[in-house]
C-alpha atoms as a PDB file:
ATOM      1  CA  UNK A   1      -0.167   0.010  -0.037  1.00  0.00           C
ATOM      2  CA  UNK A   2       2.659   2.198   0.921  1.00  0.00           C
ATOM      3  CA  UNK A   3       4.549   1.323  -2.449  1.00  0.00           C
ATOM      4  CA  UNK A   4       1.692   2.356  -4.316  1.00  0.00           C
ATOM      5  CA  UNK A   5       1.294   6.013  -2.891  1.00  0.00           C
ATOM      6  CA  UNK A   6       4.709   6.469  -3.504  1.00  0.00           C
ATOM      7  CA  UNK A   7       4.602   5.460  -7.205  1.00  0.00           C
ATOM      8  CA  UNK A   8       1.180   7.698  -7.585  1.00  0.00           C
ATOM      9  CA  UNK A   9       3.143  10.551  -5.743  1.00  0.00           C
ATOM     10  CA  UNK A  10       6.042   9.706  -7.862  1.00  0.00           C
ATOM     11  CA  UNK A  11       4.022   9.749 -10.953  1.00  0.00           C
ATOM     12  CA  UNK A  12       1.815  13.187 -10.032  1.00  0.00           C
ATOM     13  CA  UNK A  13       5.675  15.203  -9.227  1.00  0.00           C
ATOM     14  CA  UNK A  14       6.781  14.105 -12.746  1.00  0.00           C
ATOM     15  CA  UNK A  15       3.925  15.047 -14.395  1.00  0.00           C
ATOM     16  CA  UNK A  16       3.958  18.413 -12.765  1.00  0.00           C
ATOM     17  CA  UNK A  17       7.411  18.984 -14.069  1.00  0.00           C
ATOM     18  CA  UNK A  18       6.953  17.672 -17.299  1.00  0.00           C
ATOM     19  CA  UNK A  19       3.963  20.922 -17.068  1.00  0.00           C
ATOM     20  CA  UNK A  20       6.315  22.828 -15.947  1.00  0.00           C
ATOM     21  CA  UNK A  21       9.368  21.863 -18.512  1.00  0.00           C
ATOM     22  CA  UNK A  22       6.629  22.232 -21.007  1.00  0.00           C
ATOM     23  CA  UNK A  23       5.131  25.748 -20.155  1.00  0.00           C
ATOM     24  CA  UNK A  24       8.340  27.462 -20.214  1.00  0.00           C
ATOM     25  CA  UNK A  25       9.985  25.702 -23.468  1.00  0.00           C
ATOM     26  CA  UNK A  26       6.681  26.877 -24.983  1.00  0.00           C
ATOM     27  CA  UNK A  27       6.953  30.152 -23.338  1.00  0.00           C
ATOM     28  CA  UNK A  28      10.905  30.426 -24.941  1.00  0.00           C
ATOM     29  CA  UNK A  29       9.472  29.720 -28.150  1.00  0.00           C
ATOM     30  CA  UNK A  30       6.372  31.857 -28.183  1.00  0.00           C
ATOM     31  CA  UNK A  31       8.339  34.437 -26.841  1.00  0.00           C
ATOM     32  CA  UNK A  32      11.362  33.851 -29.796  1.00  0.00           C
ATOM     33  CA  UNK A  33       8.035  33.913 -32.324  1.00  0.00           C
ATOM     34  CA  UNK A  34       6.762  36.796 -31.050  1.00  0.00           C
ATOM     35  CA  UNK A  35      10.303  38.748 -31.260  1.00  0.00           C
ATOM     36  CA  UNK A  36      10.595  37.983 -34.897  1.00  0.00           C
ATOM     37  CA  UNK A  37       7.312  39.242 -36.076  1.00  0.00           C
ATOM     38  CA  UNK A  38       7.824  42.210 -33.617  1.00  0.00           C
ATOM     39  CA  UNK A  39      11.000  42.861 -35.747  1.00  0.00           C
ATOM     40  CA  UNK A  40       8.951  42.553 -38.991  1.00  0.00           C
ATOM     41  CA  UNK A  41       6.497  44.800 -37.982  1.00  0.00           C
ATOM     42  CA  UNK A  42       8.401  47.755 -36.666  1.00  0.00           C
ATOM     43  CA  UNK A  43      10.816  47.182 -39.732  1.00  0.00           C
ATOM     44  CA  UNK A  44       7.532  47.600 -42.054  1.00  0.00           C
ATOM     45  CA  UNK A  45       6.677  50.487 -39.867  1.00  0.00           C
ATOM     46  CA  UNK A  46       9.745  51.817 -40.068  1.00  0.00           C
ATOM     47  CA  UNK A  47       9.465  51.595 -44.245  1.00  0.00           C
ATOM     48  CA  UNK A  48       6.342  53.247 -44.089  1.00  0.00           C
ATOM     49  CA  UNK A  49       7.888  56.392 -42.292  1.00  0.00           C
ATOM     50  CA  UNK A  50      11.057  56.168 -44.356  1.00  0.00           C
ATOM     51  CA  UNK A  51       9.946  57.823 -47.894  1.00  0.00           C
ATOM     52  CA  UNK A  52       7.319  60.092 -48.945  1.00  0.00           C
ATOM     53  CA  UNK A  53       5.629  58.697 -51.065  1.00  0.00           C
ATOM     54  CA  UNK A  54       4.071  57.063 -48.203  1.00  0.00           C
ATOM     55  CA  UNK A  55       3.539  59.579 -46.345  1.00  0.00           C
ATOM     56  CA  UNK A  56       1.394  61.042 -48.808  1.00  0.00           C
ATOM     57  CA  UNK A  57      -1.052  58.100 -49.701  1.00  0.00           C
ATOM     58  CA  UNK A  58      -3.873  57.369 -48.109  1.00  0.00           C
ATOM     59  CA  UNK A  59      -3.803  53.801 -48.094  1.00  0.00           C
ATOM     60  CA  UNK A  60      -0.148  53.416 -47.014  1.00  0.00           C
ATOM     61  CA  UNK A  61      -1.012  55.874 -43.712  1.00  0.00           C
ATOM     62  CA  UNK A  62      -3.879  53.412 -43.344  1.00  0.00           C
ATOM     63  CA  UNK A  63      -1.213  50.915 -43.178  1.00  0.00           C
ATOM     64  CA  UNK A  64       0.823  52.120 -41.201  1.00  0.00           C
ATOM     65  CA  UNK A  65      -1.761  52.305 -38.709  1.00  0.00           C
ATOM     66  CA  UNK A  66      -3.064  49.148 -39.073  1.00  0.00           C
ATOM     67  CA  UNK A  67       0.268  47.632 -38.559  1.00  0.00           C
ATOM     68  CA  UNK A  68       1.081  49.707 -35.141  1.00  0.00           C
ATOM     69  CA  UNK A  69      -2.426  48.740 -33.629  1.00  0.00           C
ATOM     70  CA  UNK A  70      -1.156  45.085 -34.171  1.00  0.00           C
ATOM     71  CA  UNK A  71       1.987  45.476 -32.980  1.00  0.00           C
ATOM     72  CA  UNK A  72       1.283  47.236 -30.041  1.00  0.00           C
ATOM     73  CA  UNK A  73      -1.177  44.381 -29.284  1.00  0.00           C
ATOM     74  CA  UNK A  74       0.984  41.694 -30.293  1.00  0.00           C
ATOM     75  CA  UNK A  75       3.525  43.025 -27.493  1.00  0.00           C
ATOM     76  CA  UNK A  76       0.979  43.510 -25.133  1.00  0.00           C
ATOM     77  CA  UNK A  77      -0.729  39.996 -25.718  1.00  0.00           C
ATOM     78  CA  UNK A  78       2.861  38.549 -25.272  1.00  0.00           C
ATOM     79  CA  UNK A  79       3.879  40.697 -21.879  1.00  0.00           C
ATOM     80  CA  UNK A  80       0.567  39.120 -20.217  1.00  0.00           C
ATOM     81  CA  UNK A  81       1.370  35.752 -21.812  1.00  0.00           C
ATOM     82  CA  UNK A  82       4.336  35.679 -19.804  1.00  0.00           C
ATOM     83  CA  UNK A  83       3.721  36.954 -16.901  1.00  0.00           C
ATOM     84  CA  UNK A  84       1.040  34.139 -16.682  1.00  0.00           C
ATOM     85  CA  UNK A  85       3.861  31.586 -17.503  1.00  0.00           C
ATOM     86  CA  UNK A  86       6.149  33.106 -14.832  1.00  0.00           C
ATOM     87  CA  UNK A  87       3.391  32.641 -12.381  1.00  0.00           C
ATOM     88  CA  UNK A  88       2.950  36.787 -11.966  1.00  0.00           C
ATOM     89  CA  UNK A  89      -0.128  38.102 -10.345  1.00  0.00           C
ATOM     90  CA  UNK A  90      -0.582  41.658 -10.884  1.00  0.00           C
ATOM     91  CA  UNK A  91      -2.798  44.099  -8.997  1.00  0.00           C
ATOM     92  CA  UNK A  92      -6.065  45.079 -10.452  1.00  0.00           C
ATOM     93  CA  UNK A  93      -5.015  49.134 -11.097  1.00  0.00           C
ATOM     94  CA  UNK A  94      -2.070  47.801 -13.486  1.00  0.00           C
ATOM     95  CA  UNK A  95      -3.931  45.008 -14.707  1.00  0.00           C
ATOM     96  CA  UNK A  96      -6.707  47.217 -15.685  1.00  0.00           C
ATOM     97  CA  UNK A  97      -4.523  49.552 -17.496  1.00  0.00           C
ATOM     98  CA  UNK A  98      -3.111  46.741 -19.784  1.00  0.00           C
ATOM     99  CA  UNK A  99      -6.091  45.461 -20.913  1.00  0.00           C
ATOM    100  CA  UNK A 100      -7.459  48.441 -21.339  1.00  0.00           C
ATOM    101  CA  UNK A 101      -4.456  49.621 -24.063  1.00  0.00           C
ATOM    102  CA  UNK A 102      -5.233  45.971 -25.320  1.00  0.00           C
ATOM    103  CA  UNK A 103      -9.157  46.957 -25.740  1.00  0.00           C
ATOM    104  CA  UNK A 104      -7.660  50.054 -27.296  1.00  0.00           C
ATOM    105  CA  UNK A 105      -5.875  48.662 -30.112  1.00  0.00           C
ATOM    106  CA  UNK A 106      -8.302  45.369 -30.835  1.00  0.00           C
ATOM    107  CA  UNK A 107     -10.720  47.784 -32.206  1.00  0.00           C
ATOM    108  CA  UNK A 108      -8.437  49.837 -33.601  1.00  0.00           C
ATOM    109  CA  UNK A 109      -7.855  46.987 -36.097  1.00  0.00           C
ATOM    110  CA  UNK A 110     -11.118  45.696 -37.209  1.00  0.00           C
ATOM    111  CA  UNK A 111     -12.036  49.538 -38.123  1.00  0.00           C
ATOM    112  CA  UNK A 112      -8.851  50.354 -39.871  1.00  0.00           C
ATOM    113  CA  UNK A 113      -9.583  47.614 -42.171  1.00  0.00           C
ATOM    114  CA  UNK A 114     -13.482  48.944 -42.910  1.00  0.00           C
ATOM    115  CA  UNK A 115     -11.545  52.728 -43.966  1.00  0.00           C
ATOM    116  CA  UNK A 116      -9.248  50.547 -46.008  1.00  0.00           C
ATOM    117  CA  UNK A 117     -11.985  48.610 -47.729  1.00  0.00           C
ATOM    118  CA  UNK A 118     -13.371  51.763 -48.544  1.00  0.00           C
ATOM    119  CA  UNK A 119     -10.720  53.209 -50.016  1.00  0.00           C
ATOM    120  CA  UNK A 120     -10.525  50.469 -52.590  1.00  0.00           C
ATOM    121  CA  UNK A 121     -13.788  50.288 -53.641  1.00  0.00           C
ATOM    122  CA  UNK A 122     -14.072  54.109 -54.226  1.00  0.00           C
ATOM    123  CA  UNK A 123     -10.281  53.532 -56.038  1.00  0.00           C
ATOM    124  CA  UNK A 124     -11.938  50.649 -58.764  1.00  0.00           C
ATOM    125  CA  UNK A 125     -16.032  51.760 -58.506  1.00  0.00           C
ATOM    126  CA  UNK A 126     -15.221  55.733 -58.620  1.00  0.00           C
ATOM    127  CA  UNK A 127     -11.559  56.162 -59.647  1.00  0.00           C
ATOM    128  CA  UNK A 128     -12.704  59.624 -61.223  1.00  0.00           C
ATOM    129  CA  UNK A 129     -13.406  61.350 -57.888  1.00  0.00           C
ATOM    130  CA  UNK A 130     -10.764  59.061 -56.026  1.00  0.00           C
ATOM    131  CA  UNK A 131      -8.663  61.978 -55.660  1.00  0.00           C
ATOM    132  CA  UNK A 132     -11.043  64.431 -54.344  1.00  0.00           C
ATOM    133  CA  UNK A 133     -12.849  61.813 -51.818  1.00  0.00           C
ATOM    134  CA  UNK A 134      -9.815  60.288 -50.625  1.00  0.00           C
ATOM    135  CA  UNK A 135      -7.486  62.716 -49.910  1.00  0.00           C
ATOM    136  CA  UNK A 136      -4.904  63.077 -46.618  1.00  0.00           C
ATOM    137  CA  UNK A 137      -7.115  65.228 -44.590  1.00  0.00           C
ATOM    138  CA  UNK A 138     -10.269  62.809 -45.219  1.00  0.00           C
ATOM    139  CA  UNK A 139      -7.464  60.206 -44.340  1.00  0.00           C
ATOM    140  CA  UNK A 140      -6.292  61.608 -41.428  1.00  0.00           C
ATOM    141  CA  UNK A 141      -9.862  62.139 -40.140  1.00  0.00           C
ATOM    142  CA  UNK A 142     -11.080  58.706 -40.821  1.00  0.00           C
ATOM    143  CA  UNK A 143      -8.270  57.976 -38.138  1.00  0.00           C
ATOM    144  CA  UNK A 144      -9.040  60.517 -35.899  1.00  0.00           C
ATOM    145  CA  UNK A 145     -12.166  58.695 -36.002  1.00  0.00           C
ATOM    146  CA  UNK A 146     -11.185  55.298 -35.620  1.00  0.00           C
ATOM    147  CA  UNK A 147      -9.114  56.466 -32.651  1.00  0.00           C
ATOM    148  CA  UNK A 148     -12.317  58.550 -30.799  1.00  0.00           C
ATOM    149  CA  UNK A 149     -15.026  55.278 -31.559  1.00  0.00           C
ATOM    150  CA  UNK A 150     -11.936  53.007 -29.929  1.00  0.00           C
ATOM    151  CA  UNK A 151     -11.279  55.247 -26.863  1.00  0.00           C
ATOM    152  CA  UNK A 152     -15.121  55.565 -25.969  1.00  0.00           C
ATOM    153  CA  UNK A 153     -14.615  51.610 -26.217  1.00  0.00           C
ATOM    154  CA  UNK A 154     -12.385  51.777 -23.280  1.00  0.00           C
ATOM    155  CA  UNK A 155     -13.568  54.890 -21.464  1.00  0.00           C
ATOM    156  CA  UNK A 156     -17.433  52.927 -21.092  1.00  0.00           C
ATOM    157  CA  UNK A 157     -15.702  49.683 -20.161  1.00  0.00           C
ATOM    158  CA  UNK A 158     -13.477  51.967 -17.580  1.00  0.00           C
ATOM    159  CA  UNK A 159     -16.447  53.204 -16.257  1.00  0.00           C
ATOM    160  CA  UNK A 160     -18.748  49.863 -15.811  1.00  0.00           C
ATOM    161  CA  UNK A 161     -15.254  48.738 -14.176  1.00  0.00           C
ATOM    162  CA  UNK A 162     -15.498  51.327 -11.313  1.00  0.00           C
ATOM    163  CA  UNK A 163     -18.952  50.123 -10.101  1.00  0.00           C
ATOM    164  CA  UNK A 164     -17.395  46.840  -9.106  1.00  0.00           C
ATOM    165  CA  UNK A 165     -16.953  47.393  -5.340  1.00  0.00           C
ATOM    166  CA  UNK A 166     -12.967  47.070  -4.809  1.00  0.00           C
ATOM    167  CA  UNK A 167     -12.749  48.550  -1.453  1.00  0.00           C
ATOM    168  CA  UNK A 168     -14.668  45.559  -0.088  1.00  0.00           C
ATOM    169  CA  UNK A 169     -11.847  43.439  -1.493  1.00  0.00           C
ATOM    170  CA  UNK A 170      -8.961  42.247   1.220  1.00  0.00           C
ATOM    171  CA  UNK A 171      -6.113  42.688  -1.282  1.00  0.00           C
ATOM    172  CA  UNK A 172      -5.968  44.903  -4.420  1.00  0.00           C
ATOM    173  CA  UNK A 173      -3.832  41.398  -5.618  1.00  0.00           C
ATOM    174  CA  UNK A 174      -5.735  39.713  -8.142  1.00  0.00           C
ATOM    175  CA  UNK A 175      -5.744  35.680  -7.954  1.00  0.00           C
ATOM    176  CA  UNK A 176      -6.028  35.080 -10.979  1.00  0.00           C
ATOM    177  CA  UNK A 177      -3.171  35.410 -14.012  1.00  0.00           C
ATOM    178  CA  UNK A 178      -4.427  39.299 -15.940  1.00  0.00           C
ATOM    179  CA  UNK A 179      -6.067  38.630 -18.783  1.00  0.00           C
ATOM    180  CA  UNK A 180      -9.101  40.457 -19.921  1.00  0.00           C
ATOM    181  CA  UNK A 181     -11.762  38.010 -18.974  1.00  0.00           C
ATOM    182  CA  UNK A 182     -10.883  38.075 -15.568  1.00  0.00           C
ATOM    183  CA  UNK A 183     -11.127  42.320 -16.006  1.00  0.00           C
ATOM    184  CA  UNK A 184     -14.931  41.841 -16.838  1.00  0.00           C
ATOM    185  CA  UNK A 185     -16.029  42.010 -12.839  1.00  0.00           C
ATOM    186  CA  UNK A 186     -19.625  43.411 -13.115  1.00  0.00           C
ATOM    187  CA  UNK A 187     -22.300  41.491 -15.074  1.00  0.00           C
ATOM    188  CA  UNK A 188     -22.715  44.734 -17.016  1.00  0.00           C
ATOM    189  CA  UNK A 189     -19.004  44.473 -18.169  1.00  0.00           C
ATOM    190  CA  UNK A 190     -19.846  41.270 -19.691  1.00  0.00           C
ATOM    191  CA  UNK A 191     -22.542  42.139 -21.511  1.00  0.00           C
ATOM    192  CA  UNK A 192     -21.443  45.628 -22.658  1.00  0.00           C
ATOM    193  CA  UNK A 193     -18.146  43.309 -24.260  1.00  0.00           C
ATOM    194  CA  UNK A 194     -19.721  41.193 -25.910  1.00  0.00           C
ATOM    195  CA  UNK A 195     -22.984  43.004 -27.214  1.00  0.00           C
ATOM    196  CA  UNK A 196     -19.922  45.942 -28.682  1.00  0.00           C
ATOM    197  CA  UNK A 197     -18.120  42.669 -30.083  1.00  0.00           C
ATOM    198  CA  UNK A 198     -20.730  41.378 -32.297  1.00  0.00           C
ATOM    199  CA  UNK A 199     -21.935  44.718 -33.505  1.00  0.00           C
ATOM    200  CA  UNK A 200     -18.303  45.908 -34.357  1.00  0.00           C
ATOM    201  CA  UNK A 201     -17.498  42.759 -36.176  1.00  0.00           C
ATOM    202  CA  UNK A 202     -20.740  42.381 -37.921  1.00  0.00           C
ATOM    203  CA  UNK A 203     -20.610  46.132 -38.936  1.00  0.00           C
ATOM    204  CA  UNK A 204     -17.423  45.704 -40.231  1.00  0.00           C
ATOM    205  CA  UNK A 205     -17.899  42.572 -41.839  1.00  0.00           C
ATOM    206  CA  UNK A 206     -21.069  43.924 -44.030  1.00  0.00           C
ATOM    207  CA  UNK A 207     -18.808  46.919 -45.273  1.00  0.00           C
ATOM    208  CA  UNK A 208     -15.792  44.824 -46.595  1.00  0.00           C
ATOM    209  CA  UNK A 209     -18.287  42.097 -47.500  1.00  0.00           C
ATOM    210  CA  UNK A 210     -20.399  44.887 -49.669  1.00  0.00           C
ATOM    211  CA  UNK A 211     -17.355  46.775 -50.951  1.00  0.00           C
ATOM    212  CA  UNK A 212     -15.836  43.582 -52.185  1.00  0.00           C
ATOM    213  CA  UNK A 213     -19.489  42.624 -53.471  1.00  0.00           C
ATOM    214  CA  UNK A 214     -19.253  46.569 -55.117  1.00  0.00           C
ATOM    215  CA  UNK A 215     -16.059  45.869 -56.743  1.00  0.00           C
ATOM    216  CA  UNK A 216     -16.938  42.085 -58.570  1.00  0.00           C
ATOM    217  CA  UNK A 217     -20.146  44.031 -60.400  1.00  0.00           C
ATOM    218  CA  UNK A 218     -17.954  46.853 -61.243  1.00  0.00           C
ATOM    219  CA  UNK A 219     -14.999  44.416 -63.009  1.00  0.00           C
ATOM    220  CA  UNK A 220     -18.165  43.458 -65.341  1.00  0.00           C
ATOM    221  CA  UNK A 221     -18.046  47.216 -66.674  1.00  0.00           C
ATOM    222  CA  UNK A 222     -16.261  47.338 -70.012  1.00  0.00           C
ATOM    223  CA  UNK A 223     -14.427  50.524 -68.595  1.00  0.00           C
ATOM    224  CA  UNK A 224     -12.818  49.113 -66.191  1.00  0.00           C
ATOM    225  CA  UNK A 225      -9.304  48.319 -65.502  1.00  0.00           C
ATOM    226  CA  UNK A 226      -9.291  44.803 -65.077  1.00  0.00           C
ATOM    227  CA  UNK A 227      -5.738  44.292 -63.711  1.00  0.00           C
ATOM    228  CA  UNK A 228      -6.851  46.967 -61.012  1.00  0.00           C
ATOM    229  CA  UNK A 229     -10.222  45.608 -60.366  1.00  0.00           C
ATOM    230  CA  UNK A 230      -8.859  41.950 -59.762  1.00  0.00           C
ATOM    231  CA  UNK A 231      -5.828  43.252 -57.577  1.00  0.00           C
ATOM    232  CA  UNK A 232      -8.825  45.087 -55.414  1.00  0.00           C
ATOM    233  CA  UNK A 233     -10.660  42.458 -55.258  1.00  0.00           C
ATOM    234  CA  UNK A 234      -7.917  40.005 -53.914  1.00  0.00           C
ATOM    235  CA  UNK A 235      -6.889  42.823 -51.429  1.00  0.00           C
ATOM    236  CA  UNK A 236     -10.391  42.666 -50.206  1.00  0.00           C
ATOM    237  CA  UNK A 237     -10.817  39.322 -49.949  1.00  0.00           C
ATOM    238  CA  UNK A 238      -7.517  39.285 -47.676  1.00  0.00           C
ATOM    239  CA  UNK A 239      -9.151  42.198 -45.838  1.00  0.00           C
ATOM    240  CA  UNK A 240     -12.277  39.761 -44.874  1.00  0.00           C
ATOM    241  CA  UNK A 241      -9.367  37.268 -43.929  1.00  0.00           C
ATOM    242  CA  UNK A 242      -7.793  39.511 -41.529  1.00  0.00           C
ATOM    243  CA  UNK A 243     -11.046  40.712 -40.117  1.00  0.00           C
ATOM    244  CA  UNK A 244     -12.158  36.901 -39.650  1.00  0.00           C
ATOM    245  CA  UNK A 245      -8.460  36.314 -37.647  1.00  0.00           C
ATOM    246  CA  UNK A 246      -9.574  39.650 -35.914  1.00  0.00           C
ATOM    247  CA  UNK A 247     -12.501  37.800 -34.474  1.00  0.00           C
ATOM    248  CA  UNK A 248     -11.009  34.452 -33.960  1.00  0.00           C
ATOM    249  CA  UNK A 249      -9.299  36.254 -30.994  1.00  0.00           C
ATOM    250  CA  UNK A 250     -12.470  36.914 -28.898  1.00  0.00           C
ATOM    251  CA  UNK A 251     -12.938  33.334 -28.928  1.00  0.00           C
ATOM    252  CA  UNK A 252      -9.739  33.054 -27.392  1.00  0.00           C
ATOM    253  CA  UNK A 253     -10.757  32.811 -23.785  1.00  0.00           C
ATOM    254  CA  UNK A 254     -13.947  31.060 -23.612  1.00  0.00           C
ATOM    255  CA  UNK A 255     -12.312  28.070 -25.840  1.00  0.00           C
ATOM    256  CA  UNK A 256      -9.593  27.406 -23.522  1.00  0.00           C
ATOM    257  CA  UNK A 257     -12.065  27.447 -20.792  1.00  0.00           C
ATOM    258  CA  UNK A 258     -13.820  24.654 -22.549  1.00  0.00           C
ATOM    259  CA  UNK A 259     -10.993  22.711 -23.177  1.00  0.00           C
ATOM    260  CA  UNK A 260      -9.321  22.858 -20.025  1.00  0.00           C
ATOM    261  CA  UNK A 261     -12.040  21.004 -18.674  1.00  0.00           C
ATOM    262  CA  UNK A 262     -11.513  17.916 -20.670  1.00  0.00           C
ATOM    263  CA  UNK A 263      -7.802  17.762 -21.283  1.00  0.00           C
ATOM    264  CA  UNK A 264      -5.015  16.810 -19.247  1.00  0.00           C
ATOM    265  CA  UNK A 265      -2.380  19.680 -18.405  1.00  0.00           C
ATOM    266  CA  UNK A 266       0.392  19.183 -20.976  1.00  0.00           C
ATOM    267  CA  UNK A 267      -1.822  18.440 -23.709  1.00  0.00           C
ATOM    268  CA  UNK A 268      -4.198  21.603 -22.421  1.00  0.00           C
ATOM    269  CA  UNK A 269      -0.281  23.405 -22.440  1.00  0.00           C
ATOM    270  CA  UNK A 270       0.463  22.658 -26.077  1.00  0.00           C
ATOM    271  CA  UNK A 271      -3.058  23.624 -27.649  1.00  0.00           C
ATOM    272  CA  UNK A 272      -3.039  26.661 -25.684  1.00  0.00           C
ATOM    273  CA  UNK A 273       0.312  27.832 -27.317  1.00  0.00           C
ATOM    274  CA  UNK A 274      -1.067  26.169 -30.393  1.00  0.00           C
ATOM    275  CA  UNK A 275      -4.343  28.669 -30.584  1.00  0.00           C
ATOM    276  CA  UNK A 276      -2.473  31.804 -28.934  1.00  0.00           C
ATOM    277  CA  UNK A 277       0.127  31.435 -32.002  1.00  0.00           C
ATOM    278  CA  UNK A 278      -2.325  31.031 -34.638  1.00  0.00           C
ATOM    279  CA  UNK A 279      -4.899  33.493 -33.092  1.00  0.00           C
ATOM    280  CA  UNK A 280      -2.791  36.083 -31.333  1.00  0.00           C
ATOM    281  CA  UNK A 281       0.609  36.697 -32.841  1.00  0.00           C
ATOM    282  CA  UNK A 282       0.725  35.405 -35.973  1.00  0.00           C
ATOM    283  CA  UNK A 283      -2.197  37.453 -37.039  1.00  0.00           C
ATOM    284  CA  UNK A 284      -1.076  40.280 -36.379  1.00  0.00           C
ATOM    285  CA  UNK A 285       1.876  40.101 -38.625  1.00  0.00           C
ATOM    286  CA  UNK A 286      -0.473  39.325 -41.664  1.00  0.00           C
ATOM    287  CA  UNK A 287      -0.069  42.668 -42.686  1.00  0.00           C
ATOM    288  CA  UNK A 288       3.443  42.939 -42.956  1.00  0.00           C
ATOM    289  CA  UNK A 289       3.894  39.945 -44.875  1.00  0.00           C
ATOM    290  CA  UNK A 290       0.860  40.166 -47.432  1.00  0.00           C
ATOM    291  CA  UNK A 291       1.627  44.038 -47.886  1.00  0.00           C
ATOM    292  CA  UNK A 292       5.506  43.637 -48.153  1.00  0.00           C
ATOM    293  CA  UNK A 293       5.350  41.015 -50.856  1.00  0.00           C
ATOM    294  CA  UNK A 294       2.378  41.902 -53.017  1.00  0.00           C
ATOM    295  CA  UNK A 295       3.084  45.402 -53.140  1.00  0.00           C
ATOM    296  CA  UNK A 296       5.867  46.785 -55.530  1.00  0.00           C
ATOM    297  CA  UNK A 297       6.283  49.959 -54.164  1.00  0.00           C
ATOM    298  CA  UNK A 298       7.256  48.969 -50.625  1.00  0.00           C
ATOM    299  CA  UNK A 299       9.075  45.525 -51.020  1.00  0.00           C
ATOM    300  CA  UNK A 300      12.724  46.726 -52.460  1.00  0.00           C
ATOM    301  CA  UNK A 301      12.538  49.528 -49.228  1.00  0.00           C
ATOM    302  CA  UNK A 302      11.488  46.870 -46.910  1.00  0.00           C
ATOM    303  CA  UNK A 303      14.106  44.164 -48.352  1.00  0.00           C
ATOM    304  CA  UNK A 304      16.542  47.043 -48.451  1.00  0.00           C
ATOM    305  CA  UNK A 305      15.654  47.715 -44.310  1.00  0.00           C
ATOM    306  CA  UNK A 306      15.281  44.206 -43.364  1.00  0.00           C
ATOM    307  CA  UNK A 307      19.196  43.357 -44.744  1.00  0.00           C
ATOM    308  CA  UNK A 308      20.774  45.997 -43.594  1.00  0.00           C
ATOM    309  CA  UNK A 309      21.649  46.454 -39.828  1.00  0.00           C
ATOM    310  CA  UNK A 310      21.160  50.298 -39.676  1.00  0.00           C
ATOM    311  CA  UNK A 311      20.118  53.225 -41.883  1.00  0.00           C
ATOM    312  CA  UNK A 312      22.782  54.159 -45.069  1.00  0.00           C
ATOM    313  CA  UNK A 313      24.604  50.778 -44.206  1.00  0.00           C
ATOM    314  CA  UNK A 314      25.368  48.498 -47.255  1.00  0.00           C
ATOM    315  CA  UNK A 315      23.926  44.916 -47.463  1.00  0.00           C
ATOM    316  CA  UNK A 316      26.310  42.156 -47.476  1.00  0.00           C
ATOM    317  CA  UNK A 317      28.202  41.749 -50.425  1.00  0.00           C
ATOM    318  CA  UNK A 318      27.893  38.058 -51.585  1.00  0.00           C
ATOM    319  CA  UNK A 319      24.014  38.960 -52.209  1.00  0.00           C
ATOM    320  CA  UNK A 320      24.224  41.278 -55.771  1.00  0.00           C
ATOM    321  CA  UNK A 321      20.170  41.606 -55.669  1.00  0.00           C
ATOM    322  CA  UNK A 322      20.147  42.912 -52.541  1.00  0.00           C
ATOM    323  CA  UNK A 323      23.064  44.848 -53.503  1.00  0.00           C
ATOM    324  CA  UNK A 324      21.559  46.230 -56.310  1.00  0.00           C
ATOM    325  CA  UNK A 325      18.539  47.195 -54.505  1.00  0.00           C
ATOM    326  CA  UNK A 326      20.298  49.422 -51.779  1.00  0.00           C
ATOM    327  CA  UNK A 327      22.188  51.230 -54.239  1.00  0.00           C
ATOM    328  CA  UNK A 328      18.912  52.286 -56.188  1.00  0.00           C
ATOM    329  CA  UNK A 329      17.085  53.054 -52.684  1.00  0.00           C
ATOM    330  CA  UNK A 330      20.444  55.118 -51.256  1.00  0.00           C
ATOM    331  CA  UNK A 331      20.885  57.133 -54.490  1.00  0.00           C
END
């Protein structure tokens, strides 16, 4: 009997050790991949600020806004993941600041995708009026509206959060790891968050889908540039994919809670890391990869910035193509 108890204890300790070891290994993997993606996003942001053509073109200004929100969101997600992996519990005020920043950037991404879709719709369906409708001033106004709507959402969430009786708590130290789910303390906070999320993504989905259908209809016109229309259709389709990936992040926590009830700890950690990488990290880097590869204006400058260590340095001499790119850009 004693031998059976000792064997059971050893098995339990072994499983706990495997869980901790797996968690540490997964944390290293996610941190390395996140740093790579942050480097790519940061290089892309620098690229969009390095040339006048990007600063004076509406779609590149909107792209910069989208990339900035995605980069901040990815950095915050990784920070919260590392804190949870290290078993660090924050206080409610600190966690509230981090989650509110995450709220802010989460809303900015789909709203910016809506603005970018409308810009492509106007470019294809109203090409003669595009220069008068999509101006730098109107683009900046659209970005202000996007940030205002997102800020009002955060302000509403903070007001609902203040209704929670924090003074009745023995300590402001959280009993759980910091996440947006655990900061929905009051019943109204959860209802508002769910209602706003559904409204946001349904509205954004309708606008992007309508723009896509409008471009398809315009493609049947004989006066429409077929190549430009096809490119706009592909871009809007990618926006729909990006919007869907952004929506998937809202079901991440409920999905994990459901999985946690039916799987052991090690399998749960593996699925958790898989979902985290493909729902939080990878979608936040898609914009850089998509536009960096597809856009003929961005691609050579992005390649130059990626292959050079700092501005004005030369690329590696054993790669003639890259050296040629650097020579053309710096000249």
